[in-house]
C-alpha atoms as a PDB file:
ATOM      1  CA  MET A   1      92.087  -2.780  28.378  1.00  0.00           C
ATOM      2  CA  ARG A   2      92.214   0.263  27.324  1.00  0.00           C
ATOM      3  CA  LEU A   3      89.929   2.804  26.544  1.00  0.00           C
ATOM      4  CA  ILE A   4      90.898   5.035  23.795  1.00  0.00           C
ATOM      5  CA  ARG A   5      88.175   6.654  22.265  1.00  0.00           C
ATOM      6  CA  THR A   6      86.980   7.873  25.848  1.00  0.00           C
ATOM      7  CA  GLU A   7      90.936   8.604  27.275  1.00  0.00           C
ATOM      8  CA  GLN A   8      91.340  11.142  23.710  1.00  0.00           C
ATOM      9  CA  ALA A   9      87.669  12.338  25.197  1.00  0.00           C
ATOM     10  CA  PHE A  10      88.613  13.391  29.011  1.00  0.00           C
ATOM     11  CA  GLY A  11      92.036  14.715  26.847  1.00  0.00           C
ATOM     12  CA  ASP A  12      90.139  17.763  26.522  1.00  0.00           C
ATOM     13  CA  HIS A  13      88.664  18.624  29.824  1.00  0.00           C
ATOM     14  CA  ASN A  14      90.128  20.807  31.885  1.00  0.00           C
ATOM     15  CA  TYR A  15      91.705  19.895  35.276  1.00  0.00           C
ATOM     16  CA  PRO A  16      92.097  19.311  38.078  1.00  0.00           C
ATOM     17  CA  ALA A  17      87.905  18.139  37.642  1.00  0.00           C
ATOM     18  CA  THR A  18      85.664  16.529  40.124  1.00  0.00           C
ATOM     19  CA  THR A  19      83.342  13.510  39.771  1.00  0.00           C
ATOM     20  CA  ALA A  20      80.643  15.252  39.783  1.00  0.00           C
ATOM     21  CA  GLU A  21      82.404  18.044  36.933  1.00  0.00           C
ATOM     22  CA  LEU A  22      82.695  14.682  34.686  1.00  0.00           C
ATOM     23  CA  ILE A  23      80.078  12.960  35.706  1.00  0.00           C
ATOM     24  CA  ALA A  24      77.947  16.021  34.327  1.00  0.00           C
ATOM     25  CA  ASP A  25      80.007  16.187  31.168  1.00  0.00           C
ATOM     26  CA  TYR A  26      80.454  12.818  30.460  1.00  0.00           C
ATOM     27  CA  GLY A  27      78.258  10.510  32.204  1.00  0.00           C
ATOM     28  CA  ASP A  28      75.641   9.615  29.416  1.00  0.00           C
ATOM     29  CA  SER A  29      78.971   8.016  27.608  1.00  0.00           C
ATOM     30  CA  GLU A  30      78.687   4.535  27.238  1.00  0.00           C
ATOM     31  CA  ILE A  31      81.830   2.070  27.613  1.00  0.00           C
ATOM     32  CA  THR A  32      81.192  -1.545  25.546  1.00  0.00           C
ATOM     33  CA  LEU A  33      83.148  -3.521  27.851  1.00  0.00           C
ATOM     34  CA  PRO A  34      83.418  -7.564  26.692  1.00  0.00           C
ATOM     35  CA  ASN A  35      80.178  -8.211  28.326  1.00  0.00           C
ATOM     36  CA  GLY A  36      77.928  -5.467  27.974  1.00  0.00           C
ATOM     37  CA  THR A  37      78.360  -1.399  28.728  1.00  0.00           C
ATOM     38  CA  GLU A  38      78.495   0.937  31.592  1.00  0.00           C
ATOM     39  CA  THR A  39      78.062   4.516  31.043  1.00  0.00           C
ATOM     40  CA  VAL A  40      80.560   7.163  32.606  1.00  0.00           C
ATOM     41  CA  GLY A  41      78.556   8.117  35.751  1.00  0.00           C
ATOM     42  CA  GLU A  42      78.134   4.638  36.478  1.00  0.00           C
ATOM     43  CA  ILE A  43      81.322   3.957  37.110  1.00  0.00           C
ATOM     44  CA  LEU A  44      82.713   7.347  38.159  1.00  0.00           C
ATOM     45  CA  GLY A  45      79.446   6.822  40.530  1.00  0.00           C
ATOM     46  CA  ARG A  46      80.286   3.734  42.417  1.00  0.00           C
ATOM     47  CA  LEU A  47      84.457   4.939  42.987  1.00  0.00           C
ATOM     48  CA  GLY A  48      82.683   8.141  44.940  1.00  0.00           C
ATOM     49  CA  ASP A  49      84.162  11.381  45.298  1.00  0.00           C
ATOM     50  CA  ASP A  50      87.438  12.738  44.293  1.00  0.00           C
ATOM     51  CA  THR A  51      89.535  15.344  42.007  1.00  0.00           C
ATOM     52  CA  TYR A  52      91.241  14.169  39.474  1.00  0.00           C
ATOM     53  CA  GLU A  53      94.678  16.244  37.901  1.00  0.00           C
ATOM     54  CA  ASN A  54      94.345  15.020  34.446  1.00  0.00           C
ATOM     55  CA  SER A  55      93.185  12.833  31.632  1.00  0.00           C
ATOM     56  CA  GLU A  56      95.362  10.085  32.627  1.00  0.00           C
ATOM     57  CA  ALA A  57      93.954   9.688  36.191  1.00  0.00           C
ATOM     58  CA  VAL A  58      90.160   9.703  35.011  1.00  0.00           C
ATOM     59  CA  SER A  59      91.376   6.704  32.689  1.00  0.00           C
ATOM     60  CA  GLN A  60      93.012   4.552  35.764  1.00  0.00           C
ATOM     61  CA  ALA A  61      89.677   5.552  37.805  1.00  0.00           C
ATOM     62  CA  LEU A  62      87.865   4.330  34.685  1.00  0.00           C
ATOM     63  CA  LEU A  63      89.823   0.739  34.807  1.00  0.00           C
ATOM     64  CA  THR A  64      89.805   0.411  37.810  1.00  0.00           C
ATOM     65  CA  GLY A  65      85.510   0.995  38.552  1.00  0.00           C
ATOM     66  CA  VAL A  66      84.876  -1.526  35.969  1.00  0.00           C
ATOM     67  CA  SER A  67      82.418  -3.788  36.565  1.00  0.00           C
ATOM     68  CA  HIS A  68      81.767  -7.442  36.253  1.00  0.00           C
ATOM     69  CA  LYS A  69      80.942  -7.291  32.481  1.00  0.00           C
ATOM     70  CA  ALA A  70      84.843  -5.711  31.812  1.00  0.00           C
ATOM     71  CA  ILE A  71      85.649  -9.753  32.034  1.00  0.00           C
END
């Protein structure tokens, strides 16, 4: 699974960035999954506090944190 539009959106963000900063800026953004949608805030929120060094790290976190809706 690739989150191309999401990866592009995070590419312009200033890094490093914390989970709280990313949720504040992108938390309402919806990600369409095969069996529904989730927001960036829901996904990052369940992963806990972290600091991301670049957009690739955010994308990997999102891929790791999606729920059963991605299956």
